[in-house]
Amino acid sequence: MVKMTSAEAQNRFGQLIDTAQREPVAITRHGRTAAFVVSPQDMEELLDIRRRRSKAVADFDAWSKKAKERATPAAARLTDEEVNRMVHELR
């Protein structure tokens, strides 16, 4: 990944945009990364991953809620250790 100071990014903005089309560019300020400049394609991929992750979390939360509602009282009392032991016994 290419690194560029904020002053360099200002002075060479055209080059920054050209470089970002090929690979992400980290913009630093006082030695610390302050921002990244990425291509539209990279940004779309990142946003798509974020959307899919959010949906997966929501789906898992819904599944977990249904599983808790459907669990018998005996199953609800099981500890993680007991569940792990039973899973290993079944294998």
C-alpha atoms as a PDB file:
ATOM      1  CA  MET A   1       0.000   0.000   0.000  1.00  0.00           C
ATOM      2  CA  VAL A   2       1.231   3.443  -0.899  1.00  0.00           C
ATOM      3  CA  LYS A   3       1.540   6.038   1.869  1.00  0.00           C
ATOM      4  CA  MET A   4       1.409   9.760   1.294  1.00  0.00           C
ATOM      5  CA  THR A   5       1.402  12.692   3.698  1.00  0.00           C
ATOM      6  CA  SER A   6      -1.580  15.014   3.675  1.00  0.00           C
ATOM      7  CA  ALA A   7       0.634  17.775   2.250  1.00  0.00           C
ATOM      8  CA  GLU A   8       1.780  15.474  -0.583  1.00  0.00           C
ATOM      9  CA  ALA A   9      -1.837  14.504  -1.251  1.00  0.00           C
ATOM     10  CA  GLN A  10      -2.797  18.172  -1.583  1.00  0.00           C
ATOM     11  CA  ASN A  11       0.157  19.045  -3.796  1.00  0.00           C
ATOM     12  CA  ARG A  12      -0.144  15.952  -6.015  1.00  0.00           C
ATOM     13  CA  PHE A  13      -3.884  15.347  -6.031  1.00  0.00           C
ATOM     14  CA  GLY A  14      -3.962  14.115  -9.637  1.00  0.00           C
ATOM     15  CA  GLN A  15      -1.269  11.548  -8.894  1.00  0.00           C
ATOM     16  CA  LEU A  16      -3.155  10.520  -5.739  1.00  0.00           C
ATOM     17  CA  ILE A  17      -6.300   9.807  -7.762  1.00  0.00           C
ATOM     18  CA  ASP A  18      -4.346   7.877 -10.410  1.00  0.00           C
ATOM     19  CA  THR A  19      -2.572   5.785  -7.778  1.00  0.00           C
ATOM     20  CA  ALA A  20      -5.813   5.049  -5.923  1.00  0.00           C
ATOM     21  CA  GLN A  21      -7.218   3.504  -9.116  1.00  0.00           C
ATOM     22  CA  ARG A  22      -4.510   0.819  -8.876  1.00  0.00           C
ATOM     23  CA  GLU A  23      -4.180   0.354  -5.099  1.00  0.00           C
ATOM     24  CA  PRO A  24      -5.366   1.944  -1.843  1.00  0.00           C
ATOM     25  CA  VAL A  25      -3.433   4.982  -0.647  1.00  0.00           C
ATOM     26  CA  ALA A  26      -2.982   5.755   3.052  1.00  0.00           C
ATOM     27  CA  ILE A  27      -2.927   9.468   3.817  1.00  0.00           C
ATOM     28  CA  THR A  28      -0.916  10.315   6.914  1.00  0.00           C
ATOM     29  CA  ARG A  29      -0.938  13.352   9.126  1.00  0.00           C
ATOM     30  CA  HIS A  30       1.749  13.786  11.785  1.00  0.00           C
ATOM     31  CA  GLY A  31       2.932  10.239  11.112  1.00  0.00           C
ATOM     32  CA  ARG A  32      -0.461   8.598  11.698  1.00  0.00           C
ATOM     33  CA  THR A  33      -2.884   7.294   9.119  1.00  0.00           C
ATOM     34  CA  ALA A  34      -5.706   9.828   8.810  1.00  0.00           C
ATOM     35  CA  ALA A  35      -7.553   8.495   5.757  1.00  0.00           C
ATOM     36  CA  PHE A  36      -7.524   6.046   2.886  1.00  0.00           C
ATOM     37  CA  VAL A  37      -8.252   6.808  -0.736  1.00  0.00           C
ATOM     38  CA  VAL A  38      -9.583   3.832  -2.683  1.00  0.00           C
ATOM     39  CA  SER A  39     -10.973   3.201  -6.132  1.00  0.00           C
ATOM     40  CA  PRO A  40     -14.742   3.116  -6.673  1.00  0.00           C
ATOM     41  CA  GLN A  41     -14.502  -0.639  -7.276  1.00  0.00           C
ATOM     42  CA  ASP A  42     -12.710  -1.215  -3.955  1.00  0.00           C
ATOM     43  CA  MET A  43     -15.254   0.969  -2.169  1.00  0.00           C
ATOM     44  CA  GLU A  44     -18.182  -0.963  -3.660  1.00  0.00           C
ATOM     45  CA  GLU A  45     -16.575  -4.239  -2.541  1.00  0.00           C
ATOM     46  CA  LEU A  46     -16.122  -2.889   0.987  1.00  0.00           C
ATOM     47  CA  LEU A  47     -19.711  -1.651   1.149  1.00  0.00           C
ATOM     48  CA  ASP A  48     -20.997  -4.979  -0.193  1.00  0.00           C
ATOM     49  CA  ILE A  49     -19.033  -6.874   2.456  1.00  0.00           C
ATOM     50  CA  ARG A  50     -20.435  -4.582   5.148  1.00  0.00           C
ATOM     51  CA  ARG A  51     -24.016  -5.134   3.896  1.00  0.00           C
ATOM     52  CA  ARG A  52     -23.561  -8.909   3.804  1.00  0.00           C
ATOM     53  CA  ARG A  53     -22.015  -8.944   7.282  1.00  0.00           C
ATOM     54  CA  SER A  54     -24.884  -6.865   8.686  1.00  0.00           C
ATOM     55  CA  LYS A  55     -27.427  -9.207   7.112  1.00  0.00           C
ATOM     56  CA  ALA A  56     -25.595 -12.265   8.460  1.00  0.00           C
ATOM     57  CA  VAL A  57     -25.577 -10.796  11.971  1.00  0.00           C
ATOM     58  CA  ALA A  58     -29.290  -9.981  11.752  1.00  0.00           C
ATOM     59  CA  ASP A  59     -30.066 -13.476  10.436  1.00  0.00           C
ATOM     60  CA  PHE A  60     -28.045 -15.076  13.235  1.00  0.00           C
ATOM     61  CA  ASP A  61     -29.751 -12.909  15.873  1.00  0.00           C
ATOM     62  CA  ALA A  62     -33.175 -13.930  14.531  1.00  0.00           C
ATOM     63  CA  TRP A  63     -32.148 -17.604  14.486  1.00  0.00           C
ATOM     64  CA  SER A  64     -30.737 -17.360  18.016  1.00  0.00           C
ATOM     65  CA  LYS A  65     -33.938 -15.741  19.316  1.00  0.00           C
ATOM     66  CA  LYS A  66     -36.080 -18.496  17.738  1.00  0.00           C
ATOM     67  CA  ALA A  67     -33.770 -21.192  19.128  1.00  0.00           C
ATOM     68  CA  LYS A  68     -34.099 -19.774  22.650  1.00  0.00           C
ATOM     69  CA  GLU A  69     -37.887 -19.624  22.332  1.00  0.00           C
ATOM     70  CA  ARG A  70     -38.060 -23.234  21.141  1.00  0.00           C
ATOM     71  CA  ALA A  71     -35.599 -24.679  23.663  1.00  0.00           C
ATOM     72  CA  THR A  72     -37.036 -27.000  26.257  1.00  0.00           C
ATOM     73  CA  PRO A  73     -36.445 -26.076  29.915  1.00  0.00           C
ATOM     74  CA  ALA A  74     -33.950 -28.935  30.234  1.00  0.00           C
ATOM     75  CA  ALA A  75     -32.019 -27.736  27.167  1.00  0.00           C
ATOM     76  CA  ALA A  76     -32.021 -24.144  28.433  1.00  0.00           C
ATOM     77  CA  ARG A  77     -30.287 -25.291  31.640  1.00  0.00           C
ATOM     78  CA  LEU A  78     -27.374 -26.951  29.807  1.00  0.00           C
ATOM     79  CA  THR A  79     -23.982 -25.326  30.234  1.00  0.00           C
ATOM     80  CA  ASP A  80     -21.598 -24.737  27.335  1.00  0.00           C
ATOM     81  CA  GLU A  81     -19.344 -27.456  28.745  1.00  0.00           C
ATOM     82  CA  GLU A  82     -22.204 -29.985  28.735  1.00  0.00           C
ATOM     83  CA  VAL A  83     -23.164 -29.095  25.178  1.00  0.00           C
ATOM     84  CA  ASN A  84     -19.541 -29.446  24.013  1.00  0.00           C
ATOM     85  CA  ARG A  85     -19.250 -32.826  25.754  1.00  0.00           C
ATOM     86  CA  MET A  86     -22.415 -34.099  24.069  1.00  0.00           C
ATOM     87  CA  VAL A  87     -21.288 -32.891  20.658  1.00  0.00           C
ATOM     88  CA  HIS A  88     -17.951 -34.683  21.056  1.00  0.00           C
ATOM     89  CA  GLU A  89     -19.717 -37.863  22.172  1.00  0.00           C
ATOM     90  CA  LEU A  90     -21.846 -37.798  19.019  1.00  0.00           C
ATOM     91  CA  ARG A  91     -18.798 -37.506  16.772  1.00  0.00           C
END
